[in-house]
């Protein structure tokens, strides 16, 4: 999708504010250039040394934080060095080891299922294709894109809640469907920039464009649809209300004006 008339503004606040056309591919690339300069260290924050380790870490990161996962994985990877070892894991023991990442029972079952499928179908190696990865238990499109782009050298653009929020706010995508947003961003950016685009938007969402955004610190504020249609208008209304406030004397009480004669 490019150009044309946009639908209602999409944001977690559900503001419903209307806005202009979707940014062009050239505008999107320019915006990502500036965001990239603001976040030159953008990269996955999960620690790993092999595609298998990144796959495990990404699965554990669901409904958790990268920092928490990084606390768990060193001992986990030492105990389960490859897919064959993890496929033989006993669920109670694995659940205990990953407990702090949340949803530990479901994650333990998915990890063992994923590892077993790798051993049975792929010789214990992580496949380098989206189609094969999403066939693994517990692996969705976002996880597959993370592994493809960061560990296997295959262009991939993971879309998480930060990418959804930031891209919709700026106006470089328009949907609350991660697959649609992935398609829109991939259409605007060259494949060699897909993974870095995701990393940059994620970091911007964590640092600047939070649910309550720090717009004055944003490198692309002047091109942001959310700032133009929501933040600026809210500030304008607040300023007008302040201008209509009753005059106050130096002690803070409302001043009483003398009646006209």
C-alpha atoms as a PDB file:
ATOM      1  CA  UNK A   1       0.000   0.000   0.000  1.00  0.00           C
ATOM      2  CA  UNK A   2       1.267   3.493  -0.828  1.00  0.00           C
ATOM      3  CA  UNK A   3      -0.465   6.828  -1.201  1.00  0.00           C
ATOM      4  CA  UNK A   4      -4.226   7.153  -1.321  1.00  0.00           C
ATOM      5  CA  UNK A   5      -6.600   7.956   1.480  1.00  0.00           C
ATOM      6  CA  UNK A   6      -5.836   6.643   4.924  1.00  0.00           C
ATOM      7  CA  UNK A   7      -8.311   5.156   7.298  1.00  0.00           C
ATOM      8  CA  UNK A   8      -8.619   6.129  10.958  1.00  0.00           C
ATOM      9  CA  UNK A   9      -5.379   6.684  12.847  1.00  0.00           C
ATOM     10  CA  UNK A  10      -4.260   3.393  14.402  1.00  0.00           C
ATOM     11  CA  UNK A  11      -2.768   3.564  17.870  1.00  0.00           C
ATOM     12  CA  UNK A  12      -3.087   1.756  21.171  1.00  0.00           C
ATOM     13  CA  UNK A  13      -4.929   4.772  22.551  1.00  0.00           C
ATOM     14  CA  UNK A  14      -7.725   4.241  20.014  1.00  0.00           C
ATOM     15  CA  UNK A  15      -7.858   7.960  19.284  1.00  0.00           C
ATOM     16  CA  UNK A  16      -9.473   7.514  15.861  1.00  0.00           C
ATOM     17  CA  UNK A  17      -7.839  10.695  14.544  1.00  0.00           C
ATOM     18  CA  UNK A  18      -7.655  10.837  10.749  1.00  0.00           C
ATOM     19  CA  UNK A  19      -4.414  11.582   8.952  1.00  0.00           C
ATOM     20  CA  UNK A  20      -2.839  11.977   5.491  1.00  0.00           C
ATOM     21  CA  UNK A  21      -1.441   9.515   2.943  1.00  0.00           C
ATOM     22  CA  UNK A  22       0.976   6.730   3.794  1.00  0.00           C
ATOM     23  CA  UNK A  23       4.578   7.887   3.518  1.00  0.00           C
ATOM     24  CA  UNK A  24       6.212   7.162   0.178  1.00  0.00           C
ATOM     25  CA  UNK A  25       9.103   4.664  -0.017  1.00  0.00           C
ATOM     26  CA  UNK A  26      11.533   7.580  -0.364  1.00  0.00           C
ATOM     27  CA  UNK A  27      10.102   9.297   2.703  1.00  0.00           C
ATOM     28  CA  UNK A  28      10.202   6.045   4.657  1.00  0.00           C
ATOM     29  CA  UNK A  29      13.859   5.468   3.796  1.00  0.00           C
ATOM     30  CA  UNK A  30      14.700   9.044   4.802  1.00  0.00           C
ATOM     31  CA  UNK A  31      12.907   8.602   8.123  1.00  0.00           C
ATOM     32  CA  UNK A  32      14.742   5.346   8.807  1.00  0.00           C
ATOM     33  CA  UNK A  33      18.047   7.026   7.924  1.00  0.00           C
ATOM     34  CA  UNK A  34      17.456   9.643  10.614  1.00  0.00           C
ATOM     35  CA  UNK A  35      16.220   7.124  13.161  1.00  0.00           C
ATOM     36  CA  UNK A  36      19.265   4.988  12.385  1.00  0.00           C
ATOM     37  CA  UNK A  37      21.520   7.946  13.111  1.00  0.00           C
ATOM     38  CA  UNK A  38      19.690   8.482  16.406  1.00  0.00           C
ATOM     39  CA  UNK A  39      20.100   4.791  17.316  1.00  0.00           C
ATOM     40  CA  UNK A  40      23.403   3.691  15.729  1.00  0.00           C
ATOM     41  CA  UNK A  41      23.650   0.742  18.127  1.00  0.00           C
ATOM     42  CA  UNK A  42      20.346  -0.813  17.048  1.00  0.00           C
ATOM     43  CA  UNK A  43      20.615  -4.595  17.091  1.00  0.00           C
ATOM     44  CA  UNK A  44      18.957  -7.510  18.815  1.00  0.00           C
ATOM     45  CA  UNK A  45      19.669  -7.379  22.535  1.00  0.00           C
ATOM     46  CA  UNK A  46      19.439 -11.154  22.945  1.00  0.00           C
ATOM     47  CA  UNK A  47      22.760 -12.906  23.572  1.00  0.00           C
ATOM     48  CA  UNK A  48      23.590 -15.879  21.343  1.00  0.00           C
ATOM     49  CA  UNK A  49      26.434 -17.520  19.455  1.00  0.00           C
ATOM     50  CA  UNK A  50      24.572 -19.863  17.066  1.00  0.00           C
ATOM     51  CA  UNK A  51      21.285 -19.811  15.146  1.00  0.00           C
ATOM     52  CA  UNK A  52      19.971 -22.487  17.515  1.00  0.00           C
ATOM     53  CA  UNK A  53      20.728 -20.342  20.555  1.00  0.00           C
ATOM     54  CA  UNK A  54      19.009 -17.318  19.016  1.00  0.00           C
ATOM     55  CA  UNK A  55      15.972 -19.422  18.167  1.00  0.00           C
ATOM     56  CA  UNK A  56      15.722 -20.620  21.769  1.00  0.00           C
ATOM     57  CA  UNK A  57      16.284 -17.127  23.183  1.00  0.00           C
ATOM     58  CA  UNK A  58      13.680 -15.566  20.906  1.00  0.00           C
ATOM     59  CA  UNK A  59      11.091 -18.159  21.878  1.00  0.00           C
ATOM     60  CA  UNK A  60      11.811 -17.444  25.546  1.00  0.00           C
ATOM     61  CA  UNK A  61      11.468 -13.684  25.009  1.00  0.00           C
ATOM     62  CA  UNK A  62       7.718 -13.914  24.336  1.00  0.00           C
ATOM     63  CA  UNK A  63       5.905 -12.017  27.116  1.00  0.00           C
ATOM     64  CA  UNK A  64       9.278 -11.407  28.761  1.00  0.00           C
ATOM     65  CA  UNK A  65      12.212  -9.027  28.389  1.00  0.00           C
ATOM     66  CA  UNK A  66      15.503  -9.538  26.592  1.00  0.00           C
ATOM     67  CA  UNK A  67      17.335  -8.686  29.797  1.00  0.00           C
ATOM     68  CA  UNK A  68      15.506 -11.420  31.701  1.00  0.00           C
ATOM     69  CA  UNK A  69      16.128 -13.966  28.942  1.00  0.00           C
ATOM     70  CA  UNK A  70      19.835 -13.083  28.911  1.00  0.00           C
ATOM     71  CA  UNK A  71      19.988 -13.951  32.601  1.00  0.00           C
ATOM     72  CA  UNK A  72      18.578 -17.418  31.931  1.00  0.00           C
ATOM     73  CA  UNK A  73      20.249 -18.511  28.699  1.00  0.00           C
ATOM     74  CA  UNK A  74      23.943 -18.881  29.727  1.00  0.00           C
ATOM     75  CA  UNK A  75      23.200 -21.823  32.026  1.00  0.00           C
ATOM     76  CA  UNK A  76      20.528 -23.119  29.640  1.00  0.00           C
ATOM     77  CA  UNK A  77      22.888 -23.186  26.659  1.00  0.00           C
ATOM     78  CA  UNK A  78      25.591 -24.835  28.748  1.00  0.00           C
ATOM     79  CA  UNK A  79      23.221 -27.645  29.668  1.00  0.00           C
ATOM     80  CA  UNK A  80      21.524 -27.994  26.264  1.00  0.00           C
ATOM     81  CA  UNK A  81      24.278 -27.323  23.744  1.00  0.00           C
ATOM     82  CA  UNK A  82      22.286 -28.261  20.654  1.00  0.00           C
ATOM     83  CA  UNK A  83      18.911 -29.415  19.403  1.00  0.00           C
ATOM     84  CA  UNK A  84      19.630 -33.064  20.144  1.00  0.00           C
ATOM     85  CA  UNK A  85      20.301 -32.292  23.793  1.00  0.00           C
ATOM     86  CA  UNK A  86      17.249 -30.076  24.173  1.00  0.00           C
ATOM     87  CA  UNK A  87      15.009 -32.658  22.502  1.00  0.00           C
ATOM     88  CA  UNK A  88      15.862 -35.037  25.362  1.00  0.00           C
ATOM     89  CA  UNK A  89      15.176 -32.503  28.121  1.00  0.00           C
ATOM     90  CA  UNK A  90      12.813 -33.473  30.913  1.00  0.00           C
ATOM     91  CA  UNK A  91      10.006 -30.956  31.129  1.00  0.00           C
ATOM     92  CA  UNK A  92      10.055 -30.469  34.941  1.00  0.00           C
ATOM     93  CA  UNK A  93      13.776 -29.691  34.872  1.00  0.00           C
ATOM     94  CA  UNK A  94      13.484 -27.375  31.871  1.00  0.00           C
ATOM     95  CA  UNK A  95      10.475 -25.591  33.368  1.00  0.00           C
ATOM     96  CA  UNK A  96      12.434 -24.862  36.524  1.00  0.00           C
ATOM     97  CA  UNK A  97      15.350 -23.447  34.555  1.00  0.00           C
ATOM     98  CA  UNK A  98      13.226 -21.053  32.456  1.00  0.00           C
ATOM     99  CA  UNK A  99      10.628 -20.274  35.137  1.00  0.00           C
ATOM    100  CA  UNK A 100      11.557 -16.596  35.468  1.00  0.00           C
ATOM    101  CA  UNK A 101      10.777 -15.854  31.804  1.00  0.00           C
ATOM    102  CA  UNK A 102       7.070 -16.486  32.374  1.00  0.00           C
ATOM    103  CA  UNK A 103       4.663 -18.978  30.778  1.00  0.00           C
ATOM    104  CA  UNK A 104       7.342 -21.550  31.544  1.00  0.00           C
ATOM    105  CA  UNK A 105       5.218 -24.665  31.034  1.00  0.00           C
ATOM    106  CA  UNK A 106       4.076 -23.678  27.545  1.00  0.00           C
ATOM    107  CA  UNK A 107       7.569 -22.491  26.642  1.00  0.00           C
ATOM    108  CA  UNK A 108       9.226 -25.689  27.877  1.00  0.00           C
ATOM    109  CA  UNK A 109       6.846 -27.811  25.828  1.00  0.00           C
ATOM    110  CA  UNK A 110       7.410 -25.642  22.746  1.00  0.00           C
ATOM    111  CA  UNK A 111      11.198 -25.753  23.133  1.00  0.00           C
ATOM    112  CA  UNK A 112      11.323 -29.527  23.370  1.00  0.00           C
ATOM    113  CA  UNK A 113       8.913 -29.826  20.447  1.00  0.00           C
ATOM    114  CA  UNK A 114      10.976 -27.397  18.369  1.00  0.00           C
ATOM    115  CA  UNK A 115      14.223 -29.218  19.138  1.00  0.00           C
ATOM    116  CA  UNK A 116      12.685 -32.613  18.364  1.00  0.00           C
ATOM    117  CA  UNK A 117      11.436 -31.318  15.008  1.00  0.00           C
ATOM    118  CA  UNK A 118      14.881 -29.935  14.172  1.00  0.00           C
ATOM    119  CA  UNK A 119      16.461 -33.318  14.882  1.00  0.00           C
ATOM    120  CA  UNK A 120      13.817 -35.291  13.020  1.00  0.00           C
ATOM    121  CA  UNK A 121      13.380 -33.052   9.980  1.00  0.00           C
ATOM    122  CA  UNK A 122      16.502 -30.909   9.635  1.00  0.00           C
ATOM    123  CA  UNK A 123      19.353 -32.972  11.031  1.00  0.00           C
ATOM    124  CA  UNK A 124      19.480 -30.810  14.152  1.00  0.00           C
ATOM    125  CA  UNK A 125      20.214 -27.629  12.168  1.00  0.00           C
ATOM    126  CA  UNK A 126      18.094 -24.493  12.026  1.00  0.00           C
ATOM    127  CA  UNK A 127      16.623 -24.164   8.509  1.00  0.00           C
ATOM    128  CA  UNK A 128      17.221 -20.935   6.624  1.00  0.00           C
ATOM    129  CA  UNK A 129      13.722 -20.431   5.265  1.00  0.00           C
ATOM    130  CA  UNK A 130      10.554 -18.853   6.602  1.00  0.00           C
ATOM    131  CA  UNK A 131       8.415 -21.752   5.434  1.00  0.00           C
ATOM    132  CA  UNK A 132      10.469 -24.342   7.313  1.00  0.00           C
ATOM    133  CA  UNK A 133      10.870 -22.269  10.469  1.00  0.00           C
ATOM    134  CA  UNK A 134       7.175 -21.551  10.990  1.00  0.00           C
ATOM    135  CA  UNK A 135       6.483 -25.280  10.764  1.00  0.00           C
ATOM    136  CA  UNK A 136       8.444 -25.772  14.000  1.00  0.00           C
ATOM    137  CA  UNK A 137       6.404 -25.949  17.223  1.00  0.00           C
ATOM    138  CA  UNK A 138       6.224 -22.589  18.972  1.00  0.00           C
ATOM    139  CA  UNK A 139       7.788 -20.637  16.113  1.00  0.00           C
ATOM    140  CA  UNK A 140       5.795 -17.831  14.523  1.00  0.00           C
ATOM    141  CA  UNK A 141       6.635 -15.389  11.786  1.00  0.00           C
ATOM    142  CA  UNK A 142       8.214 -12.811  14.102  1.00  0.00           C
ATOM    143  CA  UNK A 143      10.547 -15.364  15.703  1.00  0.00           C
ATOM    144  CA  UNK A 144      11.460 -16.757  12.293  1.00  0.00           C
ATOM    145  CA  UNK A 145      12.318 -13.290  10.990  1.00  0.00           C
ATOM    146  CA  UNK A 146      14.541 -12.609  14.005  1.00  0.00           C
ATOM    147  CA  UNK A 147      16.546 -15.787  13.412  1.00  0.00           C
ATOM    148  CA  UNK A 148      16.699 -15.348   9.643  1.00  0.00           C
ATOM    149  CA  UNK A 149      17.868 -11.758   9.769  1.00  0.00           C
ATOM    150  CA  UNK A 150      20.306 -11.914  12.665  1.00  0.00           C
ATOM    151  CA  UNK A 151      21.761 -15.418  12.597  1.00  0.00           C
ATOM    152  CA  UNK A 152      21.298 -16.796   9.096  1.00  0.00           C
ATOM    153  CA  UNK A 153      21.928 -13.810   6.818  1.00  0.00           C
ATOM    154  CA  UNK A 154      18.490 -14.012   5.206  1.00  0.00           C
ATOM    155  CA  UNK A 155      16.570 -10.715   4.986  1.00  0.00           C
ATOM    156  CA  UNK A 156      13.775 -10.612   7.527  1.00  0.00           C
ATOM    157  CA  UNK A 157      11.774  -7.838   9.198  1.00  0.00           C
ATOM    158  CA  UNK A 158      10.369  -8.875  12.589  1.00  0.00           C
ATOM    159  CA  UNK A 159       7.304  -6.906  13.668  1.00  0.00           C
ATOM    160  CA  UNK A 160       6.635  -6.711  17.400  1.00  0.00           C
ATOM    161  CA  UNK A 161       4.521  -4.312  19.449  1.00  0.00           C
ATOM    162  CA  UNK A 162       7.167  -1.591  19.215  1.00  0.00           C
ATOM    163  CA  UNK A 163       7.375  -1.794  15.424  1.00  0.00           C
ATOM    164  CA  UNK A 164       3.568  -1.717  15.209  1.00  0.00           C
ATOM    165  CA  UNK A 165       3.286   1.328  17.456  1.00  0.00           C
ATOM    166  CA  UNK A 166       6.154   3.351  15.984  1.00  0.00           C
ATOM    167  CA  UNK A 167       5.463   2.662  12.307  1.00  0.00           C
ATOM    168  CA  UNK A 168       1.757   3.471  12.625  1.00  0.00           C
ATOM    169  CA  UNK A 169       2.419   6.643  14.597  1.00  0.00           C
ATOM    170  CA  UNK A 170       4.996   7.984  12.159  1.00  0.00           C
ATOM    171  CA  UNK A 171       2.881   7.056   9.146  1.00  0.00           C
ATOM    172  CA  UNK A 172       5.209   4.606   7.404  1.00  0.00           C
ATOM    173  CA  UNK A 173       2.713   1.772   7.889  1.00  0.00           C
ATOM    174  CA  UNK A 174      -0.994   1.462   8.522  1.00  0.00           C
ATOM    175  CA  UNK A 175      -2.378  -1.636  10.175  1.00  0.00           C
ATOM    176  CA  UNK A 176      -2.630  -3.399  13.508  1.00  0.00           C
ATOM    177  CA  UNK A 177      -1.813  -6.675  11.698  1.00  0.00           C
ATOM    178  CA  UNK A 178       1.921  -7.514  12.001  1.00  0.00           C
ATOM    179  CA  UNK A 179       1.964  -9.318   8.647  1.00  0.00           C
ATOM    180  CA  UNK A 180       0.484  -6.302   6.845  1.00  0.00           C
ATOM    181  CA  UNK A 181       2.936  -3.924   8.511  1.00  0.00           C
ATOM    182  CA  UNK A 182       5.805  -6.258   7.594  1.00  0.00           C
ATOM    183  CA  UNK A 183       4.672  -6.214   3.959  1.00  0.00           C
ATOM    184  CA  UNK A 184       4.366  -2.430   3.897  1.00  0.00           C
ATOM    185  CA  UNK A 185       7.798  -1.839   5.418  1.00  0.00           C
ATOM    186  CA  UNK A 186       9.448  -4.460   3.225  1.00  0.00           C
ATOM    187  CA  UNK A 187       7.928  -2.808   0.147  1.00  0.00           C
ATOM    188  CA  UNK A 188       9.459   0.536   1.163  1.00  0.00           C
ATOM    189  CA  UNK A 189      12.893  -0.652   2.290  1.00  0.00           C
ATOM    190  CA  UNK A 190      15.540  -2.621   0.329  1.00  0.00           C
ATOM    191  CA  UNK A 191      15.967  -6.212   1.578  1.00  0.00           C
ATOM    192  CA  UNK A 192      19.442  -5.551   2.940  1.00  0.00           C
ATOM    193  CA  UNK A 193      17.901  -3.014   5.341  1.00  0.00           C
ATOM    194  CA  UNK A 194      14.941  -5.069   6.554  1.00  0.00           C
ATOM    195  CA  UNK A 195      16.511  -6.427   9.728  1.00  0.00           C
ATOM    196  CA  UNK A 196      18.136  -3.114  10.687  1.00  0.00           C
ATOM    197  CA  UNK A 197      14.793  -1.372  10.071  1.00  0.00           C
ATOM    198  CA  UNK A 198      13.123  -3.616  12.626  1.00  0.00           C
ATOM    199  CA  UNK A 199      15.971  -3.222  15.147  1.00  0.00           C
ATOM    200  CA  UNK A 200      15.836   0.568  14.788  1.00  0.00           C
ATOM    201  CA  UNK A 201      12.073   0.808  15.215  1.00  0.00           C
ATOM    202  CA  UNK A 202      12.172  -1.520  18.228  1.00  0.00           C
ATOM    203  CA  UNK A 203      14.879   0.524  19.929  1.00  0.00           C
ATOM    204  CA  UNK A 204      13.068   3.782  19.120  1.00  0.00           C
ATOM    205  CA  UNK A 205       9.911   2.316  20.634  1.00  0.00           C
ATOM    206  CA  UNK A 206      11.734   1.332  23.805  1.00  0.00           C
ATOM    207  CA  UNK A 207      13.667   4.573  24.254  1.00  0.00           C
ATOM    208  CA  UNK A 208      11.603   7.379  22.705  1.00  0.00           C
ATOM    209  CA  UNK A 209       8.270   6.404  21.141  1.00  0.00           C
ATOM    210  CA  UNK A 210       6.899   4.704  24.224  1.00  0.00           C
ATOM    211  CA  UNK A 211       3.167   4.346  24.896  1.00  0.00           C
ATOM    212  CA  UNK A 212       3.570   7.824  26.420  1.00  0.00           C
ATOM    213  CA  UNK A 213       6.068   9.170  23.869  1.00  0.00           C
ATOM    214  CA  UNK A 214       9.000  11.510  24.436  1.00  0.00           C
ATOM    215  CA  UNK A 215       8.311  13.471  21.250  1.00  0.00           C
ATOM    216  CA  UNK A 216      10.738  16.303  21.991  1.00  0.00           C
ATOM    217  CA  UNK A 217      13.599  13.775  21.844  1.00  0.00           C
ATOM    218  CA  UNK A 218      12.516  12.248  18.510  1.00  0.00           C
ATOM    219  CA  UNK A 219      14.684  12.762  15.417  1.00  0.00           C
ATOM    220  CA  UNK A 220      11.674  12.512  13.073  1.00  0.00           C
ATOM    221  CA  UNK A 221       9.094  14.449  15.093  1.00  0.00           C
ATOM    222  CA  UNK A 222       8.467  16.913  12.274  1.00  0.00           C
ATOM    223  CA  UNK A 223       7.511  14.061   9.917  1.00  0.00           C
ATOM    224  CA  UNK A 224       5.428  12.130  12.453  1.00  0.00           C
ATOM    225  CA  UNK A 225       1.688  11.878  11.864  1.00  0.00           C
ATOM    226  CA  UNK A 226       0.988  11.177  15.516  1.00  0.00           C
ATOM    227  CA  UNK A 227       2.858  14.273  16.643  1.00  0.00           C
ATOM    228  CA  UNK A 228       1.068  16.431  14.064  1.00  0.00           C
ATOM    229  CA  UNK A 229      -2.447  15.113  14.636  1.00  0.00           C
ATOM    230  CA  UNK A 230      -2.479  14.167  18.308  1.00  0.00           C
ATOM    231  CA  UNK A 231       0.377  15.672  20.336  1.00  0.00           C
ATOM    232  CA  UNK A 232       0.493  19.116  18.722  1.00  0.00           C
ATOM    233  CA  UNK A 233      -3.269  19.534  18.901  1.00  0.00           C
ATOM    234  CA  UNK A 234      -3.341  18.447  22.523  1.00  0.00           C
ATOM    235  CA  UNK A 235      -0.608  20.953  23.340  1.00  0.00           C
ATOM    236  CA  UNK A 236      -2.512  23.659  21.484  1.00  0.00           C
ATOM    237  CA  UNK A 237      -5.674  22.961  23.454  1.00  0.00           C
ATOM    238  CA  UNK A 238      -3.722  22.997  26.698  1.00  0.00           C
ATOM    239  CA  UNK A 239      -2.175  26.336  25.765  1.00  0.00           C
ATOM    240  CA  UNK A 240      -5.545  27.864  24.938  1.00  0.00           C
ATOM    241  CA  UNK A 241      -6.973  26.649  28.244  1.00  0.00           C
ATOM    242  CA  UNK A 242      -4.017  28.163  30.056  1.00  0.00           C
ATOM    243  CA  UNK A 243      -4.630  31.456  28.278  1.00  0.00           C
ATOM    244  CA  UNK A 244      -8.224  31.504  29.514  1.00  0.00           C
ATOM    245  CA  UNK A 245      -7.284  30.808  33.147  1.00  0.00           C
ATOM    246  CA  UNK A 246      -8.336  33.488  35.667  1.00  0.00           C
ATOM    247  CA  UNK A 247      -5.670  35.996  36.629  1.00  0.00           C
ATOM    248  CA  UNK A 248      -3.932  35.242  39.920  1.00  0.00           C
ATOM    249  CA  UNK A 249      -2.248  37.540  42.381  1.00  0.00           C
ATOM    250  CA  UNK A 250       1.275  36.968  43.650  1.00  0.00           C
ATOM    251  CA  UNK A 251       0.030  34.858  46.563  1.00  0.00           C
ATOM    252  CA  UNK A 252      -1.592  32.339  44.260  1.00  0.00           C
ATOM    253  CA  UNK A 253      -5.230  33.212  44.973  1.00  0.00           C
ATOM    254  CA  UNK A 254      -7.607  34.258  42.187  1.00  0.00           C
ATOM    255  CA  UNK A 255      -7.495  38.018  41.758  1.00  0.00           C
ATOM    256  CA  UNK A 256     -10.832  39.853  41.985  1.00  0.00           C
ATOM    257  CA  UNK A 257     -11.128  42.583  39.389  1.00  0.00           C
ATOM    258  CA  UNK A 258     -12.873  45.825  40.310  1.00  0.00           C
ATOM    259  CA  UNK A 259     -16.213  46.264  38.562  1.00  0.00           C
ATOM    260  CA  UNK A 260     -16.390  48.661  35.670  1.00  0.00           C
ATOM    261  CA  UNK A 261     -18.020  51.988  36.400  1.00  0.00           C
END
